[in-house]
């Protein structure tokens, strides 16, 4: 399906949840895992000229750092690209012991070069992202050296990509949950296919979240 002008798309979002001691049930090869970041889920719509940043409730974000070059995520001139990801706006402490703020982390791509990727599998879309933004755990940027275990750098300052894990989900959860920036994991079926995101709940059944418990979040 062609996507040739700005139109809001709801991102696939996990509604189901599981405690960490059940993660082994999903460690069968059917699922993959990505970190769940402690920021705000958002959608980036850009053709390199126009750029719109919305949250998952279809509300435009009014406070977005001008340092993030969202327009560069349009890889073809004047063609639309739509990314789902996390905007780090809470200043949580990251792996390097410093506050992580005003960064965008890509975890999925829904539109690529004017093509709404309906029917594509999650694995196909993640392979596309990996081809364009190879997972590099370290770089030297304008702010100096950055090295991460659970975050991938891109060629652009302030723009990152979520790494993907295929197994050892229990170990991964316990390792990742030591850092304040990470809330836990999101498990996703590799072969799940993208459907239209015109309603808030779309294809949520193929995603499961596993979050750290807090005073306000319990299983």
C-alpha atoms as a PDB file:
ATOM      1  CA  UNK A   1       0.000   0.000   0.000  1.00  0.00           C
ATOM      2  CA  UNK A   2       1.269   3.470  -0.889  1.00  0.00           C
ATOM      3  CA  UNK A   3       1.775   6.090   1.826  1.00  0.00           C
ATOM      4  CA  UNK A   4       2.361   9.397   0.059  1.00  0.00           C
ATOM      5  CA  UNK A   5       1.171  12.024   2.523  1.00  0.00           C
ATOM      6  CA  UNK A   6       1.199  12.403   6.293  1.00  0.00           C
ATOM      7  CA  UNK A   7      -1.436  10.301   8.038  1.00  0.00           C
ATOM      8  CA  UNK A   8      -1.208   9.099  11.619  1.00  0.00           C
ATOM      9  CA  UNK A   9      -0.598   5.389  12.180  1.00  0.00           C
ATOM     10  CA  UNK A  10      -0.948   3.749  15.588  1.00  0.00           C
ATOM     11  CA  UNK A  11       2.058   1.571  16.461  1.00  0.00           C
ATOM     12  CA  UNK A  12       1.654  -2.089  17.424  1.00  0.00           C
ATOM     13  CA  UNK A  13       1.868  -2.094  21.222  1.00  0.00           C
ATOM     14  CA  UNK A  14       2.030  -4.888  23.832  1.00  0.00           C
ATOM     15  CA  UNK A  15      -1.045  -5.209  26.031  1.00  0.00           C
ATOM     16  CA  UNK A  16      -0.323  -8.647  27.484  1.00  0.00           C
ATOM     17  CA  UNK A  17       2.224  -9.023  30.267  1.00  0.00           C
ATOM     18  CA  UNK A  18       4.159 -11.790  31.963  1.00  0.00           C
ATOM     19  CA  UNK A  19       6.350 -11.974  35.091  1.00  0.00           C
ATOM     20  CA  UNK A  20      10.057 -12.581  34.630  1.00  0.00           C
ATOM     21  CA  UNK A  21       9.870 -16.130  36.021  1.00  0.00           C
ATOM     22  CA  UNK A  22       7.698 -17.096  33.027  1.00  0.00           C
ATOM     23  CA  UNK A  23      10.130 -15.911  30.367  1.00  0.00           C
ATOM     24  CA  UNK A  24      11.455 -19.404  29.736  1.00  0.00           C
ATOM     25  CA  UNK A  25       8.062 -20.373  28.313  1.00  0.00           C
ATOM     26  CA  UNK A  26       8.658 -18.042  25.366  1.00  0.00           C
ATOM     27  CA  UNK A  27      12.305 -19.011  24.784  1.00  0.00           C
ATOM     28  CA  UNK A  28      11.390 -21.438  21.986  1.00  0.00           C
ATOM     29  CA  UNK A  29      12.582 -19.707  18.810  1.00  0.00           C
ATOM     30  CA  UNK A  30       9.126 -18.327  18.010  1.00  0.00           C
ATOM     31  CA  UNK A  31       9.779 -15.016  19.783  1.00  0.00           C
ATOM     32  CA  UNK A  32      12.489 -12.412  19.825  1.00  0.00           C
ATOM     33  CA  UNK A  33      13.106  -9.785  22.507  1.00  0.00           C
ATOM     34  CA  UNK A  34      13.880  -6.084  22.537  1.00  0.00           C
ATOM     35  CA  UNK A  35      14.627  -3.889  25.563  1.00  0.00           C
ATOM     36  CA  UNK A  36      11.728  -1.936  27.023  1.00  0.00           C
ATOM     37  CA  UNK A  37      13.030   1.578  27.618  1.00  0.00           C
ATOM     38  CA  UNK A  38      11.873   4.001  30.303  1.00  0.00           C
ATOM     39  CA  UNK A  39      10.853   6.902  28.091  1.00  0.00           C
ATOM     40  CA  UNK A  40       7.818   7.765  25.984  1.00  0.00           C
ATOM     41  CA  UNK A  41       6.714   5.631  23.046  1.00  0.00           C
ATOM     42  CA  UNK A  42       6.471   7.754  19.932  1.00  0.00           C
ATOM     43  CA  UNK A  43       6.051   7.690  16.166  1.00  0.00           C
ATOM     44  CA  UNK A  44       8.263   9.592  13.729  1.00  0.00           C
ATOM     45  CA  UNK A  45       6.798  10.516  10.328  1.00  0.00           C
ATOM     46  CA  UNK A  46       9.242  12.189   7.955  1.00  0.00           C
ATOM     47  CA  UNK A  47       9.934  12.718   4.262  1.00  0.00           C
ATOM     48  CA  UNK A  48      13.027  14.781   4.944  1.00  0.00           C
ATOM     49  CA  UNK A  49      11.092  18.016   4.489  1.00  0.00           C
ATOM     50  CA  UNK A  50       8.084  17.520   6.750  1.00  0.00           C
ATOM     51  CA  UNK A  51       8.557  15.817  10.106  1.00  0.00           C
ATOM     52  CA  UNK A  52       5.840  14.959  12.637  1.00  0.00           C
ATOM     53  CA  UNK A  53       6.516  13.445  16.077  1.00  0.00           C
ATOM     54  CA  UNK A  54       3.488  11.909  17.823  1.00  0.00           C
ATOM     55  CA  UNK A  55       2.953   9.780  20.915  1.00  0.00           C
ATOM     56  CA  UNK A  56       1.078   6.495  20.825  1.00  0.00           C
ATOM     57  CA  UNK A  57      -2.177   8.290  21.766  1.00  0.00           C
ATOM     58  CA  UNK A  58      -2.210  10.330  18.509  1.00  0.00           C
ATOM     59  CA  UNK A  59      -1.006  13.486  20.242  1.00  0.00           C
ATOM     60  CA  UNK A  60       1.777  15.554  18.704  1.00  0.00           C
ATOM     61  CA  UNK A  61       4.790  15.968  20.968  1.00  0.00           C
ATOM     62  CA  UNK A  62       5.367  19.642  21.687  1.00  0.00           C
ATOM     63  CA  UNK A  63       8.688  19.330  23.493  1.00  0.00           C
ATOM     64  CA  UNK A  64      11.204  17.617  21.239  1.00  0.00           C
ATOM     65  CA  UNK A  65      14.904  18.397  21.258  1.00  0.00           C
ATOM     66  CA  UNK A  66      16.081  20.262  18.136  1.00  0.00           C
ATOM     67  CA  UNK A  67      19.356  18.312  18.429  1.00  0.00           C
ATOM     68  CA  UNK A  68      17.716  15.110  17.138  1.00  0.00           C
ATOM     69  CA  UNK A  69      18.000  15.046  13.302  1.00  0.00           C
ATOM     70  CA  UNK A  70      14.719  13.213  12.652  1.00  0.00           C
ATOM     71  CA  UNK A  71      14.595  14.465   9.057  1.00  0.00           C
ATOM     72  CA  UNK A  72      17.706  12.437   8.222  1.00  0.00           C
ATOM     73  CA  UNK A  73      15.702   9.243   8.786  1.00  0.00           C
ATOM     74  CA  UNK A  74      14.153   9.812   5.340  1.00  0.00           C
ATOM     75  CA  UNK A  75      16.557   7.704   3.304  1.00  0.00           C
ATOM     76  CA  UNK A  76      15.113   8.655  -0.114  1.00  0.00           C
ATOM     77  CA  UNK A  77      14.502  12.234  -1.181  1.00  0.00           C
ATOM     78  CA  UNK A  78      10.930  13.401  -0.564  1.00  0.00           C
ATOM     79  CA  UNK A  79       9.705   9.865   0.279  1.00  0.00           C
ATOM     80  CA  UNK A  80       7.853   9.063   3.495  1.00  0.00           C
ATOM     81  CA  UNK A  81       9.310   6.914   6.280  1.00  0.00           C
ATOM     82  CA  UNK A  82       7.518   6.042   9.522  1.00  0.00           C
ATOM     83  CA  UNK A  83       9.383   4.704  12.541  1.00  0.00           C
ATOM     84  CA  UNK A  84       8.104   3.408  15.867  1.00  0.00           C
ATOM     85  CA  UNK A  85      10.388   3.947  18.827  1.00  0.00           C
ATOM     86  CA  UNK A  86      11.081   5.531  22.185  1.00  0.00           C
ATOM     87  CA  UNK A  87      11.807   9.161  22.957  1.00  0.00           C
ATOM     88  CA  UNK A  88      14.027   9.389  26.031  1.00  0.00           C
ATOM     89  CA  UNK A  89      12.614  12.367  27.916  1.00  0.00           C
ATOM     90  CA  UNK A  90      12.734  11.251  31.552  1.00  0.00           C
ATOM     91  CA  UNK A  91      16.445  11.534  32.278  1.00  0.00           C
ATOM     92  CA  UNK A  92      16.846   7.958  33.541  1.00  0.00           C
ATOM     93  CA  UNK A  93      20.327   6.713  34.394  1.00  0.00           C
ATOM     94  CA  UNK A  94      21.819   4.621  31.597  1.00  0.00           C
ATOM     95  CA  UNK A  95      24.586   2.056  31.329  1.00  0.00           C
ATOM     96  CA  UNK A  96      27.296   4.713  31.508  1.00  0.00           C
ATOM     97  CA  UNK A  97      26.020   6.058  34.834  1.00  0.00           C
ATOM     98  CA  UNK A  98      24.739   9.300  33.312  1.00  0.00           C
ATOM     99  CA  UNK A  99      21.257  10.569  32.497  1.00  0.00           C
ATOM    100  CA  UNK A 100      19.963   9.499  29.101  1.00  0.00           C
ATOM    101  CA  UNK A 101      17.765  12.250  27.677  1.00  0.00           C
ATOM    102  CA  UNK A 102      16.726  13.742  24.334  1.00  0.00           C
ATOM    103  CA  UNK A 103      17.486  10.617  22.325  1.00  0.00           C
ATOM    104  CA  UNK A 104      15.303   8.624  19.936  1.00  0.00           C
ATOM    105  CA  UNK A 105      15.503   4.823  19.798  1.00  0.00           C
ATOM    106  CA  UNK A 106      14.073   3.006  16.765  1.00  0.00           C
ATOM    107  CA  UNK A 107      12.464  -0.371  17.372  1.00  0.00           C
ATOM    108  CA  UNK A 108      10.350  -0.858  14.218  1.00  0.00           C
ATOM    109  CA  UNK A 109       9.660   0.657  10.790  1.00  0.00           C
ATOM    110  CA  UNK A 110       6.104   0.764   9.421  1.00  0.00           C
ATOM    111  CA  UNK A 111       6.548   2.798   6.218  1.00  0.00           C
ATOM    112  CA  UNK A 112       9.616   2.660   3.987  1.00  0.00           C
ATOM    113  CA  UNK A 113      10.074   4.936   0.969  1.00  0.00           C
ATOM    114  CA  UNK A 114       6.334   5.582   0.536  1.00  0.00           C
ATOM    115  CA  UNK A 115       5.450   1.897   1.064  1.00  0.00           C
ATOM    116  CA  UNK A 116       3.250   0.989   4.025  1.00  0.00           C
ATOM    117  CA  UNK A 117       4.726  -2.400   4.918  1.00  0.00           C
ATOM    118  CA  UNK A 118       1.394  -4.170   5.415  1.00  0.00           C
ATOM    119  CA  UNK A 119       1.805  -7.948   5.453  1.00  0.00           C
ATOM    120  CA  UNK A 120       5.537  -7.848   6.132  1.00  0.00           C
ATOM    121  CA  UNK A 121       6.781  -9.914   9.045  1.00  0.00           C
ATOM    122  CA  UNK A 122       8.476  -8.364  12.046  1.00  0.00           C
ATOM    123  CA  UNK A 123      11.636 -10.278  11.161  1.00  0.00           C
ATOM    124  CA  UNK A 124      11.630  -8.807   7.630  1.00  0.00           C
ATOM    125  CA  UNK A 125      11.271  -5.257   8.949  1.00  0.00           C
ATOM    126  CA  UNK A 126      14.014  -5.712  11.537  1.00  0.00           C
ATOM    127  CA  UNK A 127      16.316  -7.114   8.846  1.00  0.00           C
ATOM    128  CA  UNK A 128      15.585  -4.014   6.768  1.00  0.00           C
ATOM    129  CA  UNK A 129      16.500  -1.763   9.687  1.00  0.00           C
ATOM    130  CA  UNK A 130      19.654  -3.764  10.372  1.00  0.00           C
ATOM    131  CA  UNK A 131      20.766  -3.380   6.755  1.00  0.00           C
ATOM    132  CA  UNK A 132      20.425   0.405   6.942  1.00  0.00           C
ATOM    133  CA  UNK A 133      21.412   0.906  10.586  1.00  0.00           C
ATOM    134  CA  UNK A 134      23.833  -1.919  11.500  1.00  0.00           C
ATOM    135  CA  UNK A 135      23.924  -2.622  15.226  1.00  0.00           C
ATOM    136  CA  UNK A 136      27.047  -0.892  16.477  1.00  0.00           C
ATOM    137  CA  UNK A 137      27.446  -0.966  20.260  1.00  0.00           C
ATOM    138  CA  UNK A 138      29.980   1.869  20.354  1.00  0.00           C
ATOM    139  CA  UNK A 139      30.895   5.086  18.598  1.00  0.00           C
ATOM    140  CA  UNK A 140      32.729   8.360  18.979  1.00  0.00           C
ATOM    141  CA  UNK A 141      30.207  11.189  18.655  1.00  0.00           C
ATOM    142  CA  UNK A 142      30.033  14.871  19.447  1.00  0.00           C
ATOM    143  CA  UNK A 143      29.682  13.992  23.126  1.00  0.00           C
ATOM    144  CA  UNK A 144      32.705  11.683  23.131  1.00  0.00           C
ATOM    145  CA  UNK A 145      32.942   7.900  23.286  1.00  0.00           C
ATOM    146  CA  UNK A 146      29.712   5.926  23.782  1.00  0.00           C
ATOM    147  CA  UNK A 147      29.695   2.198  24.524  1.00  0.00           C
ATOM    148  CA  UNK A 148      26.546   0.180  25.273  1.00  0.00           C
ATOM    149  CA  UNK A 149      25.555  -3.418  25.909  1.00  0.00           C
ATOM    150  CA  UNK A 150      21.852  -3.062  25.139  1.00  0.00           C
ATOM    151  CA  UNK A 151      21.616  -0.137  22.745  1.00  0.00           C
ATOM    152  CA  UNK A 152      22.805   0.258  19.141  1.00  0.00           C
ATOM    153  CA  UNK A 153      24.334   3.460  17.821  1.00  0.00           C
ATOM    154  CA  UNK A 154      23.504   4.793  14.352  1.00  0.00           C
ATOM    155  CA  UNK A 155      25.385   7.174  12.093  1.00  0.00           C
ATOM    156  CA  UNK A 156      23.358  10.063  13.554  1.00  0.00           C
ATOM    157  CA  UNK A 157      23.932  11.722  16.919  1.00  0.00           C
ATOM    158  CA  UNK A 158      20.987  11.289  19.319  1.00  0.00           C
ATOM    159  CA  UNK A 159      19.407   8.514  17.194  1.00  0.00           C
ATOM    160  CA  UNK A 160      19.781   4.866  18.237  1.00  0.00           C
ATOM    161  CA  UNK A 161      18.283   1.475  17.479  1.00  0.00           C
ATOM    162  CA  UNK A 162      16.978  -1.216  19.813  1.00  0.00           C
ATOM    163  CA  UNK A 163      19.013  -4.442  19.613  1.00  0.00           C
ATOM    164  CA  UNK A 164      17.208  -7.732  18.999  1.00  0.00           C
ATOM    165  CA  UNK A 165      17.762 -10.934  20.987  1.00  0.00           C
ATOM    166  CA  UNK A 166      16.712 -14.426  19.946  1.00  0.00           C
ATOM    167  CA  UNK A 167      17.152 -16.475  23.142  1.00  0.00           C
ATOM    168  CA  UNK A 168      18.223 -16.544  26.815  1.00  0.00           C
ATOM    169  CA  UNK A 169      15.363 -14.235  27.785  1.00  0.00           C
ATOM    170  CA  UNK A 170      15.558 -14.877  31.550  1.00  0.00           C
ATOM    171  CA  UNK A 171      19.277 -14.106  31.684  1.00  0.00           C
ATOM    172  CA  UNK A 172      18.742 -11.071  29.471  1.00  0.00           C
ATOM    173  CA  UNK A 173      15.957  -9.705  31.679  1.00  0.00           C
ATOM    174  CA  UNK A 174      18.041  -9.976  34.855  1.00  0.00           C
ATOM    175  CA  UNK A 175      21.036  -8.367  33.153  1.00  0.00           C
ATOM    176  CA  UNK A 176      19.113  -5.518  31.594  1.00  0.00           C
ATOM    177  CA  UNK A 177      16.931  -4.733  34.599  1.00  0.00           C
ATOM    178  CA  UNK A 178      19.988  -3.654  36.620  1.00  0.00           C
ATOM    179  CA  UNK A 179      19.960  -0.358  34.704  1.00  0.00           C
ATOM    180  CA  UNK A 180      17.362   2.316  35.455  1.00  0.00           C
ATOM    181  CA  UNK A 181      16.925   3.198  31.772  1.00  0.00           C
ATOM    182  CA  UNK A 182      15.525  -0.265  31.004  1.00  0.00           C
ATOM    183  CA  UNK A 183      12.076  -1.233  32.272  1.00  0.00           C
ATOM    184  CA  UNK A 184      12.369  -4.828  31.108  1.00  0.00           C
ATOM    185  CA  UNK A 185      11.732  -6.651  27.827  1.00  0.00           C
ATOM    186  CA  UNK A 186       9.150  -6.797  25.066  1.00  0.00           C
ATOM    187  CA  UNK A 187       8.740 -10.225  23.466  1.00  0.00           C
ATOM    188  CA  UNK A 188       7.493 -10.280  19.861  1.00  0.00           C
ATOM    189  CA  UNK A 189       6.598 -13.102  17.494  1.00  0.00           C
ATOM    190  CA  UNK A 190       9.110 -13.098  14.650  1.00  0.00           C
ATOM    191  CA  UNK A 191       6.641 -14.178  11.956  1.00  0.00           C
ATOM    192  CA  UNK A 192       3.811 -11.844  12.995  1.00  0.00           C
ATOM    193  CA  UNK A 193       2.612  -9.694  10.096  1.00  0.00           C
ATOM    194  CA  UNK A 194       1.955  -5.976  10.135  1.00  0.00           C
ATOM    195  CA  UNK A 195      -1.700  -4.957   9.857  1.00  0.00           C
ATOM    196  CA  UNK A 196      -3.271  -1.544   9.399  1.00  0.00           C
ATOM    197  CA  UNK A 197      -2.671   0.831  12.301  1.00  0.00           C
ATOM    198  CA  UNK A 198      -5.822   2.897  11.994  1.00  0.00           C
ATOM    199  CA  UNK A 199      -7.097   1.769  15.407  1.00  0.00           C
ATOM    200  CA  UNK A 200      -5.325   2.013  18.730  1.00  0.00           C
ATOM    201  CA  UNK A 201      -5.244  -1.731  19.318  1.00  0.00           C
ATOM    202  CA  UNK A 202      -3.781  -3.479  16.301  1.00  0.00           C
ATOM    203  CA  UNK A 203      -1.915  -6.786  16.355  1.00  0.00           C
ATOM    204  CA  UNK A 204      -1.234  -6.379  20.064  1.00  0.00           C
ATOM    205  CA  UNK A 205      -1.636 -10.113  20.628  1.00  0.00           C
ATOM    206  CA  UNK A 206       1.817 -10.903  19.185  1.00  0.00           C
ATOM    207  CA  UNK A 207       3.656  -8.810  21.782  1.00  0.00           C
ATOM    208  CA  UNK A 208       4.185  -9.488  25.486  1.00  0.00           C
ATOM    209  CA  UNK A 209       5.838  -7.139  27.945  1.00  0.00           C
ATOM    210  CA  UNK A 210       7.857  -8.123  30.980  1.00  0.00           C
ATOM    211  CA  UNK A 211       8.416  -5.145  33.258  1.00  0.00           C
ATOM    212  CA  UNK A 212      10.162  -4.612  36.543  1.00  0.00           C
ATOM    213  CA  UNK A 213       7.696  -4.270  39.397  1.00  0.00           C
ATOM    214  CA  UNK A 214       7.416  -0.842  41.010  1.00  0.00           C
ATOM    215  CA  UNK A 215       5.216   0.765  43.648  1.00  0.00           C
ATOM    216  CA  UNK A 216       2.633   1.563  40.954  1.00  0.00           C
ATOM    217  CA  UNK A 217       3.138  -1.390  38.595  1.00  0.00           C
ATOM    218  CA  UNK A 218       2.322  -4.905  39.794  1.00  0.00           C
ATOM    219  CA  UNK A 219       1.396  -8.176  38.137  1.00  0.00           C
END
